[in-house]
């Protein structure tokens, strides 16, 4: 990325089922869907949203190899998207094991997202 314009952060939690993808998706949605960037188009080359570069960094506590990067990329509506998987986040007890929620154990996964936007 030549020029960074905007950085967004978010957190996502999967309380049951220990699904790193669910927590990561929620973290990205939390980061990008509570913002409006009305002037960004004017800052991009050729004033084109498709010239935007978006780098998604995810701090993942466990099962990092199970992250579906393509699913994460599809959450970003414009530009070229890259995904970085980093060790981070938190796996901690949810306080309860629920077999009907497909729990493998009593852990909840918390994923942190940083979404960098530029060109």
PDB file of N, CA and C in Angstrom:
ATOM      1  N   UNK A   1       0.859  -1.173   0.000  1.00  0.00           N
ATOM      2  CA  UNK A   1       0.000   0.000   0.000  1.00  0.00           C
ATOM      3  C   UNK A   1       0.902   1.231   0.000  1.00  0.00           C
ATOM      4  N   UNK A   2       0.711   2.057  -0.995  1.00  0.00           N
ATOM      5  CA  UNK A   2       1.521   3.265  -1.153  1.00  0.00           C
ATOM      6  C   UNK A   2       1.126   4.347  -0.149  1.00  0.00           C
ATOM      7  N   UNK A   3      -0.167   4.560   0.015  1.00  0.00           N
ATOM      8  CA  UNK A   3      -0.667   5.611   0.894  1.00  0.00           C
ATOM      9  C   UNK A   3      -1.832   5.076   1.730  1.00  0.00           C
ATOM     10  N   UNK A   4      -1.670   5.097   3.052  1.00  0.00           N
ATOM     11  CA  UNK A   4      -2.754   4.688   3.928  1.00  0.00           C
ATOM     12  C   UNK A   4      -3.631   5.902   4.206  1.00  0.00           C
ATOM     13  N   UNK A   5      -4.943   5.698   4.134  1.00  0.00           N
ATOM     14  CA  UNK A   5      -5.897   6.789   4.325  1.00  0.00           C
ATOM     15  C   UNK A   5      -6.691   6.628   5.616  1.00  0.00           C
ATOM     16  N   UNK A   6      -7.021   5.405   5.945  1.00  0.00           N
ATOM     17  CA  UNK A   6      -7.996   5.163   7.006  1.00  0.00           C
ATOM     18  C   UNK A   6      -7.690   3.821   7.661  1.00  0.00           C
ATOM     19  N   UNK A   7      -7.867   3.729   8.979  1.00  0.00           N
ATOM     20  CA  UNK A   7      -7.713   2.461   9.697  1.00  0.00           C
ATOM     21  C   UNK A   7      -8.960   2.273  10.554  1.00  0.00           C
ATOM     22  N   UNK A   8      -9.542   1.094  10.457  1.00  0.00           N
ATOM     23  CA  UNK A   8     -10.733   0.761  11.234  1.00  0.00           C
ATOM     24  C   UNK A   8     -10.395  -0.456  12.103  1.00  0.00           C
ATOM     25  N   UNK A   9     -11.004  -0.545  13.278  1.00  0.00           N
ATOM     26  CA  UNK A   9     -10.772  -1.692  14.153  1.00  0.00           C
ATOM     27  C   UNK A   9     -12.099  -2.298  14.581  1.00  0.00           C
ATOM     28  N   UNK A  10     -12.071  -3.597  14.850  1.00  0.00           N
ATOM     29  CA  UNK A  10     -13.288  -4.269  15.288  1.00  0.00           C
ATOM     30  C   UNK A  10     -12.976  -5.529  16.066  1.00  0.00           C
ATOM     31  N   UNK A  11     -13.978  -6.015  16.748  1.00  0.00           N
ATOM     32  CA  UNK A  11     -13.875  -7.238  17.533  1.00  0.00           C
ATOM     33  C   UNK A  11     -15.069  -8.121  17.214  1.00  0.00           C
ATOM     34  N   UNK A  12     -14.816  -9.414  17.095  1.00  0.00           N
ATOM     35  CA  UNK A  12     -15.886 -10.373  16.857  1.00  0.00           C
ATOM     36  C   UNK A  12     -15.750 -11.571  17.780  1.00  0.00           C
ATOM     37  N   UNK A  13     -16.871 -12.085  18.202  1.00  0.00           N
ATOM     38  CA  UNK A  13     -16.886 -13.199  19.153  1.00  0.00           C
ATOM     39  C   UNK A  13     -17.772 -14.323  18.628  1.00  0.00           C
ATOM     40  N   UNK A  14     -17.288 -15.552  18.759  1.00  0.00           N
ATOM     41  CA  UNK A  14     -18.131 -16.723  18.558  1.00  0.00           C
ATOM     42  C   UNK A  14     -18.260 -17.385  19.924  1.00  0.00           C
ATOM     43  N   UNK A  15     -19.449 -17.279  20.515  1.00  0.00           N
ATOM     44  CA  UNK A  15     -19.674 -17.785  21.874  1.00  0.00           C
ATOM     45  C   UNK A  15     -19.747 -19.304  21.940  1.00  0.00           C
ATOM     46  N   UNK A  16     -20.291 -19.922  20.893  1.00  0.00           N
ATOM     47  CA  UNK A  16     -20.466 -21.370  20.895  1.00  0.00           C
ATOM     48  C   UNK A  16     -20.095 -21.940  19.533  1.00  0.00           C
ATOM     49  N   UNK A  17     -19.507 -23.107  19.549  1.00  0.00           N
ATOM     50  CA  UNK A  17     -19.149 -23.781  18.309  1.00  0.00           C
ATOM     51  C   UNK A  17     -17.680 -23.646  17.941  1.00  0.00           C
ATOM     52  N   UNK A  18     -16.991 -22.717  18.601  1.00  0.00           N
ATOM     53  CA  UNK A  18     -15.561 -22.531  18.385  1.00  0.00           C
ATOM     54  C   UNK A  18     -15.225 -22.377  16.894  1.00  0.00           C
ATOM     55  N   UNK A  19     -15.931 -21.475  16.231  1.00  0.00           N
ATOM     56  CA  UNK A  19     -15.755 -21.242  14.794  1.00  0.00           C
ATOM     57  C   UNK A  19     -14.985 -19.943  14.578  1.00  0.00           C
ATOM     58  N   UNK A  20     -13.724 -20.072  14.223  1.00  0.00           N
ATOM     59  CA  UNK A  20     -12.870 -18.909  14.015  1.00  0.00           C
ATOM     60  C   UNK A  20     -13.396 -18.041  12.873  1.00  0.00           C
ATOM     61  N   UNK A  21     -14.040 -18.628  11.884  1.00  0.00           N
ATOM     62  CA  UNK A  21     -14.591 -17.851  10.770  1.00  0.00           C
ATOM     63  C   UNK A  21     -15.734 -16.957  11.225  1.00  0.00           C
ATOM     64  N   UNK A  22     -16.592 -17.477  12.063  1.00  0.00           N
ATOM     65  CA  UNK A  22     -17.710 -16.685  12.582  1.00  0.00           C
ATOM     66  C   UNK A  22     -17.191 -15.471  13.361  1.00  0.00           C
ATOM     67  N   UNK A  23     -16.213 -15.691  14.224  1.00  0.00           N
ATOM     68  CA  UNK A  23     -15.650 -14.595  15.014  1.00  0.00           C
ATOM     69  C   UNK A  23     -14.923 -13.591  14.120  1.00  0.00           C
ATOM     70  N   UNK A  24     -14.179 -14.063  13.120  1.00  0.00           N
ATOM     71  CA  UNK A  24     -13.449 -13.171  12.211  1.00  0.00           C
ATOM     72  C   UNK A  24     -14.407 -12.338  11.371  1.00  0.00           C
ATOM     73  N   UNK A  25     -15.453 -12.955  10.850  1.00  0.00           N
ATOM     74  CA  UNK A  25     -16.444 -12.213  10.064  1.00  0.00           C
ATOM     75  C   UNK A  25     -17.077 -11.114  10.913  1.00  0.00           C
ATOM     76  N   UNK A  26     -17.424 -11.435  12.135  1.00  0.00           N
ATOM     77  CA  UNK A  26     -18.040 -10.444  13.017  1.00  0.00           C
ATOM     78  C   UNK A  26     -17.070  -9.305  13.319  1.00  0.00           C
ATOM     79  N   UNK A  27     -15.791  -9.612  13.450  1.00  0.00           N
ATOM     80  CA  UNK A  27     -14.788  -8.574  13.716  1.00  0.00           C
ATOM     81  C   UNK A  27     -14.654  -7.622  12.533  1.00  0.00           C
ATOM     82  N   UNK A  28     -14.628  -8.163  11.323  1.00  0.00           N
ATOM     83  CA  UNK A  28     -14.516  -7.317  10.129  1.00  0.00           C
ATOM     84  C   UNK A  28     -15.772  -6.479   9.953  1.00  0.00           C
ATOM     85  N   UNK A  29     -16.924  -7.084  10.131  1.00  0.00           N
ATOM     86  CA  UNK A  29     -18.183  -6.341  10.028  1.00  0.00           C
ATOM     87  C   UNK A  29     -18.235  -5.235  11.069  1.00  0.00           C
ATOM     88  N   UNK A  30     -17.788  -5.531  12.277  1.00  0.00           N
ATOM     89  CA  UNK A  30     -17.750  -4.524  13.332  1.00  0.00           C
ATOM     90  C   UNK A  30     -16.832  -3.360  12.945  1.00  0.00           C
ATOM     91  N   UNK A  31     -15.752  -3.657  12.255  1.00  0.00           N
ATOM     92  CA  UNK A  31     -14.803  -2.615  11.850  1.00  0.00           C
ATOM     93  C   UNK A  31     -15.323  -1.756  10.711  1.00  0.00           C
ATOM     94  N   UNK A  32     -15.933  -2.362   9.709  1.00  0.00           N
ATOM     95  CA  UNK A  32     -16.232  -1.589   8.495  1.00  0.00           C
ATOM     96  C   UNK A  32     -17.669  -1.125   8.345  1.00  0.00           C
ATOM     97  N   UNK A  33     -18.606  -1.727   9.010  1.00  0.00           N
ATOM     98  CA  UNK A  33     -20.003  -1.379   8.764  1.00  0.00           C
ATOM     99  C   UNK A  33     -20.579  -0.382   9.763  1.00  0.00           C
ATOM    100  N   UNK A  34     -19.716   0.277  10.514  1.00  0.00           N
ATOM    101  CA  UNK A  34     -20.185   1.346  11.392  1.00  0.00           C
ATOM    102  C   UNK A  34     -19.500   2.658  11.026  1.00  0.00           C
ATOM    103  N   UNK A  35     -18.942   2.723   9.816  1.00  0.00           N
ATOM    104  CA  UNK A  35     -18.224   3.907   9.347  1.00  0.00           C
ATOM    105  C   UNK A  35     -18.764   4.345   8.002  1.00  0.00           C
ATOM    106  N   UNK A  36     -18.632   5.627   7.749  1.00  0.00           N
ATOM    107  CA  UNK A  36     -18.900   6.165   6.425  1.00  0.00           C
ATOM    108  C   UNK A  36     -17.681   6.982   6.024  1.00  0.00           C
ATOM    109  N   UNK A  37     -17.217   6.802   4.801  1.00  0.00           N
ATOM    110  CA  UNK A  37     -16.045   7.529   4.328  1.00  0.00           C
ATOM    111  C   UNK A  37     -16.422   8.302   3.065  1.00  0.00           C
ATOM    112  N   UNK A  38     -17.237   9.355   3.197  1.00  0.00           N
ATOM    113  CA  UNK A  38     -17.768  10.033   2.019  1.00  0.00           C
ATOM    114  C   UNK A  38     -16.708  10.673   1.119  1.00  0.00           C
ATOM    115  N   UNK A  39     -15.568  11.052   1.638  1.00  0.00           N
ATOM    116  CA  UNK A  39     -14.553  11.710   0.823  1.00  0.00           C
ATOM    117  C   UNK A  39     -13.485  10.789   0.271  1.00  0.00           C
ATOM    118  N   UNK A  40     -13.560   9.500   0.582  1.00  0.00           N
ATOM    119  CA  UNK A  40     -12.473   8.605   0.184  1.00  0.00           C
ATOM    120  C   UNK A  40     -12.324   8.497  -1.325  1.00  0.00           C
ATOM    121  N   UNK A  41     -13.414   8.507  -2.045  1.00  0.00           N
ATOM    122  CA  UNK A  41     -13.339   8.357  -3.498  1.00  0.00           C
ATOM    123  C   UNK A  41     -12.464   9.448  -4.115  1.00  0.00           C
ATOM    124  N   UNK A  42     -12.541  10.662  -3.575  1.00  0.00           N
ATOM    125  CA  UNK A  42     -11.735  11.769  -4.079  1.00  0.00           C
ATOM    126  C   UNK A  42     -10.248  11.591  -3.791  1.00  0.00           C
ATOM    127  N   UNK A  43      -9.907  10.751  -2.821  1.00  0.00           N
ATOM    128  CA  UNK A  43      -8.511  10.522  -2.447  1.00  0.00           C
ATOM    129  C   UNK A  43      -7.860   9.391  -3.229  1.00  0.00           C
ATOM    130  N   UNK A  44      -8.637   8.622  -3.942  1.00  0.00           N
ATOM    131  CA  UNK A  44      -8.123   7.443  -4.644  1.00  0.00           C
ATOM    132  C   UNK A  44      -7.677   7.791  -6.055  1.00  0.00           C
ATOM    133  N   UNK A  45      -6.707   7.042  -6.598  1.00  0.00           N
ATOM    134  CA  UNK A  45      -6.312   7.252  -7.985  1.00  0.00           C
ATOM    135  C   UNK A  45      -7.522   7.159  -8.916  1.00  0.00           C
ATOM    136  N   UNK A  46      -7.615   8.099  -9.843  1.00  0.00           N
ATOM    137  CA  UNK A  46      -8.715   8.182 -10.804  1.00  0.00           C
ATOM    138  C   UNK A  46     -10.076   8.307 -10.126  1.00  0.00           C
ATOM    139  N   UNK A  47     -10.077   8.627  -8.853  1.00  0.00           N
ATOM    140  CA  UNK A  47     -11.307   8.752  -8.053  1.00  0.00           C
ATOM    141  C   UNK A  47     -12.217   7.542  -8.232  1.00  0.00           C
ATOM    142  N   UNK A  48     -11.599   6.361  -8.202  1.00  0.00           N
ATOM    143  CA  UNK A  48     -12.299   5.105  -8.466  1.00  0.00           C
ATOM    144  C   UNK A  48     -12.180   4.193  -7.240  1.00  0.00           C
ATOM    145  N   UNK A  49     -13.313   3.794  -6.677  1.00  0.00           N
ATOM    146  CA  UNK A  49     -13.313   2.931  -5.489  1.00  0.00           C
ATOM    147  C   UNK A  49     -12.613   1.590  -5.727  1.00  0.00           C
ATOM    148  N   UNK A  50     -12.596   1.146  -6.962  1.00  0.00           N
ATOM    149  CA  UNK A  50     -11.920  -0.125  -7.249  1.00  0.00           C
ATOM    150  C   UNK A  50     -10.403  -0.003  -7.206  1.00  0.00           C
ATOM    151  N   UNK A  51      -9.872   1.210  -7.120  1.00  0.00           N
ATOM    152  CA  UNK A  51      -8.432   1.407  -6.961  1.00  0.00           C
ATOM    153  C   UNK A  51      -8.016   1.403  -5.495  1.00  0.00           C
ATOM    154  N   UNK A  52      -8.972   1.228  -4.624  1.00  0.00           N
ATOM    155  CA  UNK A  52      -8.696   1.154  -3.197  1.00  0.00           C
ATOM    156  C   UNK A  52      -8.009  -0.176  -2.878  1.00  0.00           C
ATOM    157  N   UNK A  53      -7.056  -0.121  -1.957  1.00  0.00           N
ATOM    158  CA  UNK A  53      -6.434  -1.337  -1.432  1.00  0.00           C
ATOM    159  C   UNK A  53      -6.851  -1.459   0.022  1.00  0.00           C
ATOM    160  N   UNK A  54      -7.257  -2.651   0.391  1.00  0.00           N
ATOM    161  CA  UNK A  54      -7.719  -2.910   1.747  1.00  0.00           C
ATOM    162  C   UNK A  54      -6.932  -4.095   2.293  1.00  0.00           C
ATOM    163  N   UNK A  55      -6.281  -3.882   3.428  1.00  0.00           N
ATOM    164  CA  UNK A  55      -5.549  -4.957   4.086  1.00  0.00           C
ATOM    165  C   UNK A  55      -6.253  -5.269   5.408  1.00  0.00           C
ATOM    166  N   UNK A  56      -6.717  -6.497   5.539  1.00  0.00           N
ATOM    167  CA  UNK A  56      -7.414  -6.936   6.742  1.00  0.00           C
ATOM    168  C   UNK A  56      -6.450  -7.774   7.575  1.00  0.00           C
ATOM    169  N   UNK A  57      -6.153  -7.302   8.779  1.00  0.00           N
ATOM    170  CA  UNK A  57      -5.310  -8.043   9.720  1.00  0.00           C
ATOM    171  C   UNK A  57      -6.223  -8.637  10.785  1.00  0.00           C
ATOM    172  N   UNK A  58      -6.077  -9.926  11.009  1.00  0.00           N
ATOM    173  CA  UNK A  58      -6.922 -10.610  11.997  1.00  0.00           C
ATOM    174  C   UNK A  58      -6.059 -11.272  13.064  1.00  0.00           C
ATOM    175  N   UNK A  59      -6.310 -10.905  14.315  1.00  0.00           N
ATOM    176  CA  UNK A  59      -5.675 -11.561  15.460  1.00  0.00           C
ATOM    177  C   UNK A  59      -6.562 -12.713  15.886  1.00  0.00           C
ATOM    178  N   UNK A  60      -6.070 -13.942  15.668  1.00  0.00           N
ATOM    179  CA  UNK A  60      -6.881 -15.153  15.830  1.00  0.00           C
ATOM    180  C   UNK A  60      -6.277 -16.016  16.944  1.00  0.00           C
ATOM    181  N   UNK A  61      -7.102 -16.425  17.931  1.00  0.00           N
ATOM    182  CA  UNK A  61      -6.551 -17.147  19.081  1.00  0.00           C
ATOM    183  C   UNK A  61      -6.224 -18.621  18.840  1.00  0.00           C
ATOM    184  N   UNK A  62      -6.996 -19.282  18.000  1.00  0.00           N
ATOM    185  CA  UNK A  62      -6.819 -20.723  17.748  1.00  0.00           C
ATOM    186  C   UNK A  62      -7.336 -21.058  16.361  1.00  0.00           C
ATOM    187  N   UNK A  63      -6.988 -22.237  15.879  1.00  0.00           N
ATOM    188  CA  UNK A  63      -7.500 -22.746  14.595  1.00  0.00           C
ATOM    189  C   UNK A  63      -7.253 -21.769  13.450  1.00  0.00           C
ATOM    190  N   UNK A  64      -6.141 -21.056  13.501  1.00  0.00           N
ATOM    191  CA  UNK A  64      -5.812 -20.044  12.499  1.00  0.00           C
ATOM    192  C   UNK A  64      -5.811 -20.625  11.088  1.00  0.00           C
ATOM    193  N   UNK A  65      -5.466 -21.904  10.984  1.00  0.00           N
ATOM    194  CA  UNK A  65      -5.410 -22.568   9.675  1.00  0.00           C
ATOM    195  C   UNK A  65      -6.796 -22.818   9.090  1.00  0.00           C
ATOM    196  N   UNK A  66      -7.840 -22.682   9.891  1.00  0.00           N
ATOM    197  CA  UNK A  66      -9.205 -22.904   9.412  1.00  0.00           C
ATOM    198  C   UNK A  66      -9.873 -21.640   8.871  1.00  0.00           C
ATOM    199  N   UNK A  67      -9.179 -20.504   8.953  1.00  0.00           N
ATOM    200  CA  UNK A  67      -9.784 -19.267   8.468  1.00  0.00           C
ATOM    201  C   UNK A  67      -9.974 -19.326   6.960  1.00  0.00           C
ATOM    202  N   UNK A  68     -11.161 -18.987   6.502  1.00  0.00           N
ATOM    203  CA  UNK A  68     -11.493 -18.940   5.077  1.00  0.00           C
ATOM    204  C   UNK A  68     -11.250 -17.509   4.590  1.00  0.00           C
ATOM    205  N   UNK A  69     -10.064 -17.264   4.040  1.00  0.00           N
ATOM    206  CA  UNK A  69      -9.685 -15.920   3.612  1.00  0.00           C
ATOM    207  C   UNK A  69     -10.610 -15.373   2.526  1.00  0.00           C
ATOM    208  N   UNK A  70     -11.062 -16.223   1.632  1.00  0.00           N
ATOM    209  CA  UNK A  70     -11.943 -15.765   0.547  1.00  0.00           C
ATOM    210  C   UNK A  70     -13.268 -15.242   1.101  1.00  0.00           C
ATOM    211  N   UNK A  71     -13.764 -15.880   2.135  1.00  0.00           N
ATOM    212  CA  UNK A  71     -15.007 -15.435   2.765  1.00  0.00           C
ATOM    213  C   UNK A  71     -14.820 -14.047   3.399  1.00  0.00           C
ATOM    214  N   UNK A  72     -13.669 -13.840   3.995  1.00  0.00           N
ATOM    215  CA  UNK A  72     -13.359 -12.544   4.603  1.00  0.00           C
ATOM    216  C   UNK A  72     -13.250 -11.475   3.516  1.00  0.00           C
ATOM    217  N   UNK A  73     -12.572 -11.782   2.429  1.00  0.00           N
ATOM    218  CA  UNK A  73     -12.408 -10.821   1.330  1.00  0.00           C
ATOM    219  C   UNK A  73     -13.750 -10.360   0.776  1.00  0.00           C
ATOM    220  N   UNK A  74     -14.708 -11.251   0.714  1.00  0.00           N
ATOM    221  CA  UNK A  74     -16.020 -10.922   0.155  1.00  0.00           C
ATOM    222  C   UNK A  74     -16.804  -9.938   1.028  1.00  0.00           C
ATOM    223  N   UNK A  75     -16.386  -9.740   2.263  1.00  0.00           N
ATOM    224  CA  UNK A  75     -17.069  -8.791   3.141  1.00  0.00           C
ATOM    225  C   UNK A  75     -16.766  -7.341   2.768  1.00  0.00           C
ATOM    226  N   UNK A  76     -15.684  -7.129   2.033  1.00  0.00           N
ATOM    227  CA  UNK A  76     -15.269  -5.778   1.650  1.00  0.00           C
ATOM    228  C   UNK A  76     -15.799  -5.504   0.246  1.00  0.00           C
ATOM    229  N   UNK A  77     -16.659  -4.502   0.086  1.00  0.00           N
ATOM    230  CA  UNK A  77     -17.359  -4.325  -1.184  1.00  0.00           C
ATOM    231  C   UNK A  77     -16.544  -3.738  -2.336  1.00  0.00           C
ATOM    232  N   UNK A  78     -15.413  -3.071  -2.055  1.00  0.00           N
ATOM    233  CA  UNK A  78     -14.651  -2.417  -3.123  1.00  0.00           C
ATOM    234  C   UNK A  78     -13.161  -2.693  -2.964  1.00  0.00           C
ATOM    235  N   UNK A  79     -12.447  -2.553  -4.065  1.00  0.00           N
ATOM    236  CA  UNK A  79     -10.995  -2.583  -4.040  1.00  0.00           C
ATOM    237  C   UNK A  79     -10.396  -3.970  -4.053  1.00  0.00           C
ATOM    238  N   UNK A  80      -9.080  -3.979  -3.910  1.00  0.00           N
ATOM    239  CA  UNK A  80      -8.299  -5.210  -3.818  1.00  0.00           C
ATOM    240  C   UNK A  80      -8.064  -5.499  -2.350  1.00  0.00           C
ATOM    241  N   UNK A  81      -8.425  -6.688  -1.915  1.00  0.00           N
ATOM    242  CA  UNK A  81      -8.379  -7.026  -0.496  1.00  0.00           C
ATOM    243  C   UNK A  81      -7.331  -8.105  -0.239  1.00  0.00           C
ATOM    244  N   UNK A  82      -6.519  -7.887   0.777  1.00  0.00           N
ATOM    245  CA  UNK A  82      -5.587  -8.907   1.261  1.00  0.00           C
ATOM    246  C   UNK A  82      -5.939  -9.207   2.715  1.00  0.00           C
ATOM    247  N   UNK A  83      -5.618 -10.421   3.145  1.00  0.00           N
ATOM    248  CA  UNK A  83      -5.903 -10.845   4.510  1.00  0.00           C
ATOM    249  C   UNK A  83      -4.613 -11.342   5.146  1.00  0.00           C
ATOM    250  N   UNK A  84      -4.322 -10.830   6.334  1.00  0.00           N
ATOM    251  CA  UNK A  84      -3.183 -11.299   7.125  1.00  0.00           C
ATOM    252  C   UNK A  84      -3.710 -12.005   8.360  1.00  0.00           C
ATOM    253  N   UNK A  85      -3.262 -13.234   8.565  1.00  0.00           N
ATOM    254  CA  UNK A  85      -3.651 -14.005   9.745  1.00  0.00           C
ATOM    255  C   UNK A  85      -2.515 -13.913  10.759  1.00  0.00           C
ATOM    256  N   UNK A  86      -2.838 -13.429  11.943  1.00  0.00           N
ATOM    257  CA  UNK A  86      -1.847 -13.250  12.998  1.00  0.00           C
ATOM    258  C   UNK A  86      -2.293 -13.970  14.258  1.00  0.00           C
ATOM    259  N   UNK A  87      -1.338 -14.433  15.035  1.00  0.00           N
ATOM    260  CA  UNK A  87      -1.691 -14.992  16.339  1.00  0.00           C
ATOM    261  C   UNK A  87      -2.119 -13.842  17.228  1.00  0.00           C
ATOM    262  N   UNK A  88      -3.247 -14.000  17.897  1.00  0.00           N
ATOM    263  CA  UNK A  88      -3.758 -12.940  18.755  1.00  0.00           C
ATOM    264  C   UNK A  88      -5.147 -13.273  19.228  1.00  0.00           C
ATOM    265  N   UNK A  89      -5.911 -12.244  19.548  1.00  0.00           N
ATOM    266  CA  UNK A  89      -7.257 -12.487  20.048  1.00  0.00           C
ATOM    267  C   UNK A  89      -7.233 -13.188  21.387  1.00  0.00           C
ATOM    268  N   UNK A  90      -8.287 -13.918  21.652  1.00  0.00           N
ATOM    269  CA  UNK A  90      -8.411 -14.588  22.946  1.00  0.00           C
ATOM    270  C   UNK A  90      -9.361 -15.768  22.839  1.00  0.00           C
ATOM    271  N   UNK A  91      -8.977 -16.864  23.443  1.00  0.00           N
ATOM    272  CA  UNK A  91      -9.871 -18.003  23.651  1.00  0.00           C
ATOM    273  C   UNK A  91     -10.047 -18.117  25.159  1.00  0.00           C
ATOM    274  N   UNK A  92     -11.285 -17.972  25.599  1.00  0.00           N
ATOM    275  CA  UNK A  92     -11.552 -18.006  27.033  1.00  0.00           C
ATOM    276  C   UNK A  92     -12.872 -18.722  27.275  1.00  0.00           C
ATOM    277  N   UNK A  93     -13.118 -19.106  28.493  1.00  0.00           N
ATOM    278  CA  UNK A  93     -14.326 -19.853  28.789  1.00  0.00           C
ATOM    279  C   UNK A  93     -15.585 -19.016  28.552  1.00  0.00           C
ATOM    280  N   UNK A  94     -16.580 -19.660  27.992  1.00  0.00           N
ATOM    281  CA  UNK A  94     -17.895 -19.031  27.849  1.00  0.00           C
ATOM    282  C   UNK A  94     -18.726 -19.302  29.100  1.00  0.00           C
ATOM    283  N   UNK A  95     -18.220 -20.177  29.943  1.00  0.00           N
ATOM    284  CA  UNK A  95     -18.917 -20.503  31.179  1.00  0.00           C
ATOM    285  C   UNK A  95     -19.898 -21.642  31.060  1.00  0.00           C
ATOM    286  N   UNK A  96     -20.085 -22.142  29.817  1.00  0.00           N
ATOM    287  CA  UNK A  96     -21.066 -23.210  29.632  1.00  0.00           C
ATOM    288  C   UNK A  96     -20.728 -23.997  28.362  1.00  0.00           C
ATOM    289  N   UNK A  97     -20.996 -25.277  28.408  1.00  0.00           N
ATOM    290  CA  UNK A  97     -20.856 -26.153  27.247  1.00  0.00           C
ATOM    291  C   UNK A  97     -22.261 -26.521  26.786  1.00  0.00           C
ATOM    292  N   UNK A  98     -22.573 -26.242  25.517  1.00  0.00           N
ATOM    293  CA  UNK A  98     -23.897 -26.536  24.974  1.00  0.00           C
ATOM    294  C   UNK A  98     -23.750 -27.429  23.744  1.00  0.00           C
ATOM    295  N   UNK A  99     -24.077 -28.692  23.890  1.00  0.00           N
ATOM    296  CA  UNK A  99     -23.931 -29.611  22.762  1.00  0.00           C
ATOM    297  C   UNK A  99     -24.871 -29.261  21.612  1.00  0.00           C
ATOM    298  N   UNK A 100     -26.050 -28.712  21.917  1.00  0.00           N
ATOM    299  CA  UNK A 100     -26.981 -28.361  20.844  1.00  0.00           C
ATOM    300  C   UNK A 100     -26.501 -27.153  20.030  1.00  0.00           C
ATOM    301  N   UNK A 101     -25.476 -26.439  20.516  1.00  0.00           N
ATOM    302  CA  UNK A 101     -24.861 -25.334  19.787  1.00  0.00           C
ATOM    303  C   UNK A 101     -23.570 -25.774  19.093  1.00  0.00           C
ATOM    304  N   UNK A 102     -23.372 -27.086  19.019  1.00  0.00           N
ATOM    305  CA  UNK A 102     -22.199 -27.697  18.386  1.00  0.00           C
ATOM    306  C   UNK A 102     -20.890 -27.332  19.077  1.00  0.00           C
ATOM    307  N   UNK A 103     -20.965 -27.081  20.385  1.00  0.00           N
ATOM    308  CA  UNK A 103     -19.750 -26.815  21.148  1.00  0.00           C
ATOM    309  C   UNK A 103     -18.849 -28.042  21.160  1.00  0.00           C
ATOM    310  N   UNK A 104     -17.560 -27.796  21.000  1.00  0.00           N
ATOM    311  CA  UNK A 104     -16.546 -28.839  21.137  1.00  0.00           C
ATOM    312  C   UNK A 104     -15.974 -28.814  22.555  1.00  0.00           C
ATOM    313  N   UNK A 105     -16.125 -27.644  23.203  1.00  0.00           N
ATOM    314  CA  UNK A 105     -15.664 -27.412  24.567  1.00  0.00           C
ATOM    315  C   UNK A 105     -16.403 -26.177  25.084  1.00  0.00           C
ATOM    316  N   UNK A 106     -15.933 -25.587  26.181  1.00  0.00           N
ATOM    317  CA  UNK A 106     -16.640 -24.422  26.726  1.00  0.00           C
ATOM    318  C   UNK A 106     -15.988 -23.093  26.346  1.00  0.00           C
ATOM    319  N   UNK A 107     -15.159 -23.090  25.302  1.00  0.00           N
ATOM    320  CA  UNK A 107     -14.456 -21.865  24.929  1.00  0.00           C
ATOM    321  C   UNK A 107     -15.257 -20.968  23.989  1.00  0.00           C
ATOM    322  N   UNK A 108     -15.031 -19.668  24.119  1.00  0.00           N
ATOM    323  CA  UNK A 108     -15.481 -18.708  23.118  1.00  0.00           C
ATOM    324  C   UNK A 108     -14.224 -18.147  22.459  1.00  0.00           C
ATOM    325  N   UNK A 109     -14.328 -17.849  21.165  1.00  0.00           N
ATOM    326  CA  UNK A 109     -13.212 -17.288  20.412  1.00  0.00           C
ATOM    327  C   UNK A 109     -13.477 -15.805  20.180  1.00  0.00           C
ATOM    328  N   UNK A 110     -12.469 -14.992  20.491  1.00  0.00           N
ATOM    329  CA  UNK A 110     -12.546 -13.550  20.275  1.00  0.00           C
ATOM    330  C   UNK A 110     -11.449 -13.185  19.270  1.00  0.00           C
ATOM    331  N   UNK A 111     -11.860 -12.589  18.159  1.00  0.00           N
ATOM    332  CA  UNK A 111     -10.933 -12.194  17.096  1.00  0.00           C
ATOM    333  C   UNK A 111     -10.926 -10.675  16.992  1.00  0.00           C
ATOM    334  N   UNK A 112      -9.732 -10.113  16.838  1.00  0.00           N
ATOM    335  CA  UNK A 112      -9.574  -8.681  16.625  1.00  0.00           C
ATOM    336  C   UNK A 112      -9.247  -8.427  15.167  1.00  0.00           C
ATOM    337  N   UNK A 113      -9.832  -7.349  14.617  1.00  0.00           N
ATOM    338  CA  UNK A 113      -9.588  -6.985  13.223  1.00  0.00           C
ATOM    339  C   UNK A 113      -9.058  -5.564  13.135  1.00  0.00           C
ATOM    340  N   UNK A 114      -8.094  -5.380  12.237  1.00  0.00           N
ATOM    341  CA  UNK A 114      -7.630  -4.055  11.830  1.00  0.00           C
ATOM    342  C   UNK A 114      -7.799  -4.019  10.324  1.00  0.00           C
ATOM    343  N   UNK A 115      -8.539  -3.037   9.839  1.00  0.00           N
ATOM    344  CA  UNK A 115      -8.783  -2.904   8.409  1.00  0.00           C
ATOM    345  C   UNK A 115      -8.115  -1.609   7.936  1.00  0.00           C
ATOM    346  N   UNK A 116      -7.066  -1.785   7.134  1.00  0.00           N
ATOM    347  CA  UNK A 116      -6.317  -0.644   6.614  1.00  0.00           C
ATOM    348  C   UNK A 116      -6.800  -0.335   5.205  1.00  0.00           C
ATOM    349  N   UNK A 117      -7.093   0.933   4.948  1.00  0.00           N
ATOM    350  CA  UNK A 117      -7.636   1.354   3.657  1.00  0.00           C
ATOM    351  C   UNK A 117      -6.717   2.418   3.053  1.00  0.00           C
ATOM    352  N   UNK A 118      -6.400   2.240   1.798  1.00  0.00           N
ATOM    353  CA  UNK A 118      -5.557   3.202   1.103  1.00  0.00           C
ATOM    354  C   UNK A 118      -5.484   2.885  -0.368  1.00  0.00           C
ATOM    355  N   UNK A 119      -4.328   3.196  -0.963  1.00  0.00           N
ATOM    356  CA  UNK A 119      -4.099   2.875  -2.382  1.00  0.00           C
ATOM    357  C   UNK A 119      -2.634   2.623  -2.630  1.00  0.00           C
TER     358      UNK A 119
END
